[in-house]
Amino acid sequence: MGSRLKMLAMLGVGTLAVSCRGVDFNTLVNKGASAAPQLAKGAVEVVECKKLDVEPTVAEEYALGGALAIHFVQRGGGLMFSTAEEKKLHDYVNIVGKNLAAQSLRPTLNWTFGVLNDTEQFNALSAPGGYVLVTRRLLMEVDNEGQLAGALAHEIAHGVLKHAIRQYNAQKVDACQTAQGAKAVGKAVLSALSANTLLAALETGGTLDLDNEPELLAYLTEKTLAAFDEGNGPKLEFEADRMAVQLMLSAGYDPAAYLGLISKMTDVKNQKNHPKKQERRDKLVAYLDTLKGTADEFPEVATEGLRSPKLKQPDYAVIRPASSSGVAKDSVK
């Protein structure tokens, strides 16, 4: 359960961290350019680069997801994974998260959940390959396990729907076009080997072996991260909201807790594409109404047995002691 988290804890902070931000593809020396194969002869039509907009391999998705997750950990002040109390919290978040992920259309993905030390941002993040991270600030403010489940379910939904993969594929296509344009004017933007790899992928199905292309991985991660920072558009967010509710219902959580979670969110000004929380709440209320059905038909949602339990102790003690409201005592399971 914790092996990938331990890797992020080691790589995400400290002097040994591998940061893609250190790679500038506009100034990279063309290492091995003299020995590298000559770039594909003749100008490749720009439309050819669209061949890179394909489903990545599992290895490609995990490589990209791991690189993005390291960035998230670095930005979020590291992982809460040092003390025994923090590891209890980590295990609790993983139990809730993995239960939700098991209800999804990608249950066999190597789902990994963790908590960032960020006490400023009320936020949750996801990366391809099943990485889901929530901030300490979010955990400080949720009222019950249902709201925690809602935050995790929303990020799981982004992973299942492969929203970040769409952004990544767009960057692959753009990088291919950039390489072609730079080649036409005789200006090196990507290293010769990285550009060669992109162009070669046009003839081999459009997927990339990022594990063996660290420079290209760094470049594409950086570009995908920039797109990520602008926020998902309304359509993608509404898709993730609807799937989050479906996952919560499958796991037995009352979706009303998700409405409470959205009410706690703040609209982030620098995420220009992200929909406003009131619009998301209104859309979600309308969606829940459609699940109830009418008087003369069976409802799609059975409300009996749905719950929104208190946050479990002692697992949550590092965030909020047992005496706080909304947190279950030791005897409550």
Protein backbone atom coordinates (compact mmCIF):
# COMPACT_ATOMS: atom_id res chain seq x y z
CA MET A 1 0.00 0.00 0.00
CA GLY A 2 2.76 2.48 0.90
CA SER A 3 5.61 1.62 -1.49
CA ARG A 4 4.73 4.24 -4.09
CA LEU A 5 4.07 6.79 -1.32
CA LYS A 6 7.50 6.09 0.17
CA MET A 7 9.03 6.70 -3.24
CA LEU A 8 7.24 10.05 -3.52
CA ALA A 9 8.24 10.97 0.02
CA MET A 10 11.88 10.43 -0.89
CA LEU A 11 11.78 11.98 -4.36
CA GLY A 12 9.30 14.75 -3.73
CA VAL A 13 11.33 16.74 -1.20
CA GLY A 14 14.96 17.24 -0.28
CA THR A 15 18.12 17.61 -2.29
CA LEU A 16 17.69 14.24 -3.97
CA ALA A 17 14.39 15.24 -5.56
CA VAL A 18 14.18 14.78 -9.31
CA SER A 19 12.63 18.00 -10.59
CA CYS A 20 11.48 18.30 -14.17
CA ARG A 21 11.67 22.06 -13.73
CA GLY A 22 15.42 21.85 -14.05
CA VAL A 23 15.17 20.86 -17.70
CA ASP A 24 14.98 23.68 -20.25
CA PHE A 25 14.41 22.26 -23.69
CA ASN A 26 15.03 25.63 -25.32
CA THR A 27 18.67 25.59 -24.26
CA LEU A 28 19.47 21.87 -24.09
CA VAL A 29 22.69 20.95 -25.83
CA ASN A 30 21.99 18.34 -28.46
CA LYS A 31 23.69 15.55 -26.60
CA GLY A 32 24.88 12.95 -28.98
CA ALA A 33 23.59 14.93 -31.95
CA SER A 34 26.48 13.83 -34.10
CA ALA A 35 25.71 10.19 -33.38
CA ALA A 36 21.94 10.51 -33.33
CA PRO A 37 20.01 9.23 -36.33
CA GLN A 38 19.15 11.96 -38.78
CA LEU A 39 15.66 13.36 -38.23
CA ALA A 40 13.03 12.00 -40.57
CA LYS A 41 13.74 13.24 -44.04
CA GLY A 42 11.32 15.67 -45.60
CA ALA A 43 8.73 17.78 -43.85
CA VAL A 44 6.10 15.74 -42.05
CA GLU A 45 2.69 17.29 -42.47
CA VAL A 46 1.43 18.88 -39.25
CA VAL A 47 -1.64 16.66 -39.39
CA GLU A 48 0.67 13.66 -38.98
CA CYS A 49 1.38 14.77 -35.42
CA LYS A 50 -2.23 13.92 -34.56
CA LYS A 51 -1.13 10.30 -34.64
CA LEU A 52 0.31 10.89 -31.17
CA ASP A 53 -3.18 11.51 -29.78
CA VAL A 54 -3.71 7.88 -28.80
CA GLU A 55 -4.30 5.86 -25.65
CA PRO A 56 -0.96 5.58 -23.79
CA THR A 57 0.45 2.27 -22.66
CA VAL A 58 0.16 1.39 -18.98
CA ALA A 59 3.90 2.00 -18.55
CA GLU A 60 3.60 5.40 -20.24
CA GLU A 61 0.70 6.39 -17.98
CA TYR A 62 2.53 5.33 -14.83
CA ALA A 63 5.70 7.21 -15.86
CA LEU A 64 3.79 10.43 -16.53
CA GLY A 65 1.71 10.05 -13.37
CA GLY A 66 4.74 9.49 -11.18
CA ALA A 67 6.50 12.57 -12.58
CA LEU A 68 3.41 14.74 -12.07
CA ALA A 69 2.89 13.38 -8.56
CA ILE A 70 6.46 14.33 -7.62
CA HIS A 71 5.71 17.90 -8.71
CA PHE A 72 2.54 17.93 -6.61
CA VAL A 73 4.46 16.68 -3.56
CA GLN A 74 7.16 19.32 -4.02
CA ARG A 75 4.60 22.09 -4.35
CA GLY A 76 2.57 20.81 -1.40
CA GLY A 77 5.39 20.90 1.12
CA GLY A 78 6.02 17.17 1.13
CA LEU A 79 3.93 14.24 2.30
CA MET A 80 2.52 13.59 5.74
CA PHE A 81 4.25 10.25 6.03
CA SER A 82 6.95 10.66 8.69
CA THR A 83 5.49 9.86 12.10
CA ALA A 84 3.44 6.91 13.31
CA GLU A 85 0.41 9.19 13.62
CA GLU A 86 0.82 10.42 10.05
CA LYS A 87 1.11 6.85 8.78
CA LYS A 88 -2.17 5.98 10.54
CA LEU A 89 -3.78 8.86 8.67
CA HIS A 90 -2.19 7.66 5.43
CA ASP A 91 -3.62 4.16 5.95
CA TYR A 92 -7.07 5.55 6.74
CA VAL A 93 -7.14 7.74 3.61
CA ASN A 94 -6.00 4.74 1.56
CA ILE A 95 -8.74 2.51 2.99
CA VAL A 96 -11.42 5.06 2.11
CA GLY A 97 -9.87 5.79 -1.28
CA LYS A 98 -9.25 2.20 -2.33
CA ASN A 99 -12.79 1.24 -1.41
CA LEU A 100 -14.07 3.95 -3.73
CA ALA A 101 -11.60 3.07 -6.49
CA ALA A 102 -12.72 -0.57 -6.31
CA GLN A 103 -16.17 0.61 -7.39
CA SER A 104 -14.74 2.32 -10.48
CA LEU A 105 -14.20 1.18 -14.05
CA ARG A 106 -10.47 0.94 -13.38
CA PRO A 107 -10.31 -1.11 -10.17
CA THR A 108 -6.99 -2.79 -11.03
CA LEU A 109 -5.05 0.45 -11.37
CA ASN A 110 -2.36 0.75 -8.70
CA TRP A 111 -4.26 3.40 -6.75
CA THR A 112 -2.12 5.37 -4.31
CA PHE A 113 -3.50 7.99 -1.90
CA GLY A 114 -1.56 10.45 0.20
CA VAL A 115 -1.78 13.68 2.19
CA LEU A 116 0.23 16.81 1.37
CA ASN A 117 1.52 19.03 4.18
CA ASP A 118 -0.10 22.07 2.56
CA THR A 119 -2.10 23.96 5.22
CA GLU A 120 -3.06 26.83 2.91
CA GLN A 121 -4.88 25.26 -0.06
CA PHE A 122 -8.21 23.45 0.30
CA ASN A 123 -7.45 21.10 -2.55
CA ALA A 124 -7.21 17.58 -3.93
CA LEU A 125 -5.16 16.49 -6.92
CA SER A 126 -4.82 13.46 -9.14
CA ALA A 127 -2.30 12.22 -11.67
CA PRO A 128 -2.44 9.40 -14.23
CA GLY A 129 -1.56 5.98 -12.91
CA GLY A 130 -3.86 6.23 -9.89
CA TYR A 131 -2.14 8.92 -7.81
CA VAL A 132 -4.55 10.90 -5.62
CA LEU A 133 -3.38 13.53 -3.13
CA VAL A 134 -5.32 15.72 -0.71
CA THR A 135 -4.02 18.66 1.29
CA ARG A 136 -3.83 18.85 5.04
CA ARG A 137 -6.01 21.97 4.83
CA LEU A 138 -8.81 19.98 3.19
CA LEU A 139 -8.62 17.32 5.91
CA MET A 140 -8.74 20.05 8.56
CA GLU A 141 -12.04 21.35 7.19
CA VAL A 142 -14.09 18.30 6.20
CA ASP A 143 -16.84 17.43 8.66
CA ASN A 144 -17.19 13.70 8.14
CA GLU A 145 -15.93 10.69 6.21
CA GLY A 146 -18.53 11.27 3.52
CA GLN A 147 -16.96 14.61 2.61
CA LEU A 148 -13.50 13.01 2.59
CA ALA A 149 -14.88 10.27 0.34
CA GLY A 150 -16.34 12.91 -1.96
CA ALA A 151 -12.96 14.62 -2.40
CA LEU A 152 -11.24 11.30 -3.15
CA ALA A 153 -14.05 10.11 -5.42
CA HIS A 154 -13.83 13.26 -7.54
CA GLU A 155 -10.10 12.75 -8.11
CA ILE A 156 -10.60 9.04 -8.78
CA ALA A 157 -13.15 10.06 -11.41
CA HIS A 158 -10.59 12.29 -13.13
CA GLY A 159 -8.24 9.30 -13.26
CA VAL A 160 -10.89 6.91 -14.54
CA LEU A 161 -12.03 9.38 -17.20
CA LYS A 162 -8.36 10.07 -18.12
CA HIS A 163 -8.77 13.82 -18.13
CA ALA A 164 -5.06 14.45 -17.52
CA ILE A 165 -4.25 12.05 -20.36
CA ARG A 166 -6.17 14.35 -22.70
CA GLN A 167 -3.96 17.23 -21.61
CA TYR A 168 -0.85 15.09 -22.00
CA ASN A 169 -1.82 13.95 -25.50
CA ALA A 170 -2.39 17.56 -26.52
CA GLN A 171 1.14 18.35 -25.34
CA LYS A 172 2.57 15.41 -27.31
CA VAL A 173 0.92 16.67 -30.48
CA ASP A 174 2.09 20.22 -29.78
CA ALA A 175 5.65 19.04 -29.09
CA CYS A 176 5.66 17.15 -32.40
CA GLN A 177 4.48 20.24 -34.26
CA THR A 178 7.05 22.36 -32.42
CA ALA A 179 9.81 19.95 -33.41
CA GLN A 180 8.69 20.11 -37.02
CA GLY A 181 8.50 23.89 -37.05
CA ALA A 182 11.87 24.27 -35.37
CA LYS A 183 13.41 21.84 -37.83
CA ALA A 184 12.01 23.82 -40.76
CA VAL A 185 13.71 27.02 -39.59
CA GLY A 186 16.86 25.27 -38.40
CA LYS A 187 16.36 26.01 -34.70
CA ALA A 188 16.73 23.26 -32.10
CA VAL A 189 13.93 23.35 -29.53
CA LEU A 190 14.02 19.72 -28.45
CA SER A 191 17.22 17.75 -28.28
CA ALA A 192 17.87 15.74 -31.42
CA LEU A 193 17.26 12.46 -29.62
CA SER A 194 13.98 13.62 -28.04
CA ALA A 195 12.69 15.04 -31.32
CA ASN A 196 13.69 11.83 -33.05
CA THR A 197 11.72 9.82 -30.49
CA LEU A 198 8.58 11.86 -31.09
CA LEU A 199 8.82 11.57 -34.85
CA ALA A 200 9.60 7.85 -34.70
CA ALA A 201 6.45 7.35 -32.59
CA LEU A 202 4.41 8.56 -35.57
CA GLU A 203 5.28 5.29 -37.27
CA THR A 204 4.93 2.99 -34.27
CA GLY A 205 1.43 3.65 -32.94
CA GLY A 206 1.97 6.99 -31.21
CA THR A 207 2.98 5.71 -27.76
CA LEU A 208 6.22 6.60 -25.98
CA ASP A 209 8.65 4.74 -23.73
CA LEU A 210 9.00 7.56 -21.20
CA ASP A 211 10.91 5.40 -18.70
CA ASN A 212 13.82 5.38 -21.13
CA GLU A 213 13.38 8.97 -22.32
CA PRO A 214 13.95 11.13 -19.20
CA GLU A 215 14.44 14.38 -21.12
CA LEU A 216 11.24 13.91 -23.08
CA LEU A 217 9.40 12.87 -19.91
CA ALA A 218 10.59 16.05 -18.20
CA TYR A 219 9.49 18.23 -21.11
CA LEU A 220 6.03 16.66 -21.49
CA THR A 221 5.48 16.66 -17.73
CA GLU A 222 6.27 20.35 -17.57
CA LYS A 223 3.89 21.14 -20.42
CA THR A 224 1.12 18.96 -18.98
CA LEU A 225 1.56 20.61 -15.59
CA ALA A 226 1.13 24.05 -17.15
CA ALA A 227 -2.14 22.94 -18.77
CA PHE A 228 -3.23 21.33 -15.49
CA ASP A 229 -2.69 24.60 -13.60
CA GLU A 230 -5.30 26.34 -15.75
CA GLY A 231 -7.92 23.93 -14.41
CA ASN A 232 -10.25 21.55 -16.15
CA GLY A 233 -13.08 23.05 -18.15
CA PRO A 234 -16.70 22.87 -16.93
CA LYS A 235 -17.54 19.80 -19.01
CA LEU A 236 -14.74 17.71 -17.48
CA GLU A 237 -15.47 18.90 -13.95
CA PHE A 238 -19.16 18.09 -14.27
CA GLU A 239 -18.25 14.63 -15.61
CA ALA A 240 -16.02 14.04 -12.59
CA ASP A 241 -18.70 15.32 -10.20
CA ARG A 242 -21.29 12.91 -11.60
CA MET A 243 -18.93 9.96 -11.45
CA ALA A 244 -17.89 10.91 -7.91
CA VAL A 245 -21.53 10.68 -6.83
CA GLN A 246 -21.84 7.30 -8.53
CA LEU A 247 -18.75 6.00 -6.72
CA MET A 248 -20.02 7.31 -3.39
CA LEU A 249 -23.37 5.62 -3.88
CA SER A 250 -21.69 2.33 -4.82
CA ALA A 251 -19.56 2.53 -1.67
CA GLY A 252 -22.59 3.33 0.50
CA TYR A 253 -21.94 7.04 1.15
CA ASP A 254 -24.72 9.62 1.20
CA PRO A 255 -24.07 11.95 -1.78
CA ALA A 256 -25.43 14.85 0.27
CA ALA A 257 -21.98 14.89 1.88
CA TYR A 258 -20.51 15.77 -1.51
CA LEU A 259 -22.75 18.83 -1.72
CA GLY A 260 -21.39 19.85 1.67
CA LEU A 261 -17.85 19.42 0.39
CA ILE A 262 -18.49 21.64 -2.64
CA SER A 263 -19.89 24.32 -0.34
CA LYS A 264 -16.56 24.40 1.50
CA MET A 265 -14.54 24.93 -1.69
CA THR A 266 -13.16 28.28 -2.78
CA ASP A 267 -13.14 29.48 -6.37
CA VAL A 268 -9.51 29.60 -7.50
CA LYS A 269 -8.91 32.75 -9.55
CA ASN A 270 -5.84 31.52 -11.44
CA GLN A 271 -7.65 28.43 -12.72
CA LYS A 272 -9.37 30.25 -15.55
CA ASN A 273 -11.03 27.14 -16.99
CA HIS A 274 -12.45 25.81 -13.73
CA PRO A 275 -16.22 26.26 -13.20
CA LYS A 276 -17.53 28.17 -10.21
CA LYS A 277 -18.57 26.10 -7.20
CA GLN A 278 -22.17 27.35 -7.25
CA GLU A 279 -22.57 26.20 -10.84
CA ARG A 280 -21.14 22.80 -9.91
CA ARG A 281 -23.50 22.51 -6.96
CA ASP A 282 -26.53 23.44 -9.05
CA LYS A 283 -25.60 20.90 -11.73
CA LEU A 284 -25.08 18.22 -9.09
CA VAL A 285 -28.43 18.87 -7.41
CA ALA A 286 -30.14 18.57 -10.79
CA TYR A 287 -28.27 15.32 -11.49
CA LEU A 288 -29.26 13.84 -8.13
CA ASP A 289 -32.87 14.68 -8.88
CA THR A 290 -32.71 12.62 -12.07
CA LEU A 291 -31.55 9.60 -10.06
CA LYS A 292 -34.58 9.69 -7.78
CA GLY A 293 -37.02 8.82 -10.53
CA THR A 294 -40.71 9.65 -10.58
CA ALA A 295 -43.59 8.28 -8.53
CA ASP A 296 -44.45 5.63 -11.11
CA GLU A 297 -40.98 4.20 -11.67
CA PHE A 298 -38.23 2.57 -9.67
CA PRO A 299 -35.57 5.07 -8.56
CA GLU A 300 -32.03 4.55 -9.76
CA VAL A 301 -30.76 5.34 -6.28
CA ALA A 302 -31.84 3.47 -3.17
CA THR A 303 -31.33 5.84 -0.25
CA GLU A 304 -31.75 3.20 2.45
CA GLY A 305 -28.51 2.36 4.17
CA LEU A 306 -26.54 5.30 2.81
CA ARG A 307 -24.33 6.86 5.44
CA SER A 308 -21.92 9.66 6.17
CA PRO A 309 -19.92 8.33 9.14
CA LYS A 310 -17.76 10.36 11.44
CA LEU A 311 -14.05 10.56 10.82
CA LYS A 312 -12.41 7.53 12.37
CA GLN A 313 -10.19 7.73 15.43
CA PRO A 314 -7.40 7.26 16.31
CA ASP A 315 -6.50 7.41 12.63
CA TYR A 316 -7.53 11.06 12.27
CA ALA A 317 -5.97 12.30 15.52
CA VAL A 318 -2.99 13.95 13.83
CA ILE A 319 -5.44 16.24 12.00
CA ARG A 320 -8.15 16.60 14.65
CA PRO A 321 -8.31 15.06 18.12
CA ALA A 322 -11.14 12.76 19.16
CA SER A 323 -12.85 15.48 21.19
CA SER A 324 -13.56 17.51 18.04
CA SER A 325 -17.04 17.32 16.55
CA GLY A 326 -17.48 15.10 13.53
CA VAL A 327 -14.73 12.69 14.62
CA ALA A 328 -15.57 9.24 15.89
CA LYS A 329 -14.22 8.01 19.21
CA ASP A 330 -12.00 4.95 19.47
CA SER A 331 -14.96 2.69 20.19
CA VAL A 332 -16.76 3.67 17.01
CA LYS A 333 -15.81 1.62 13.93
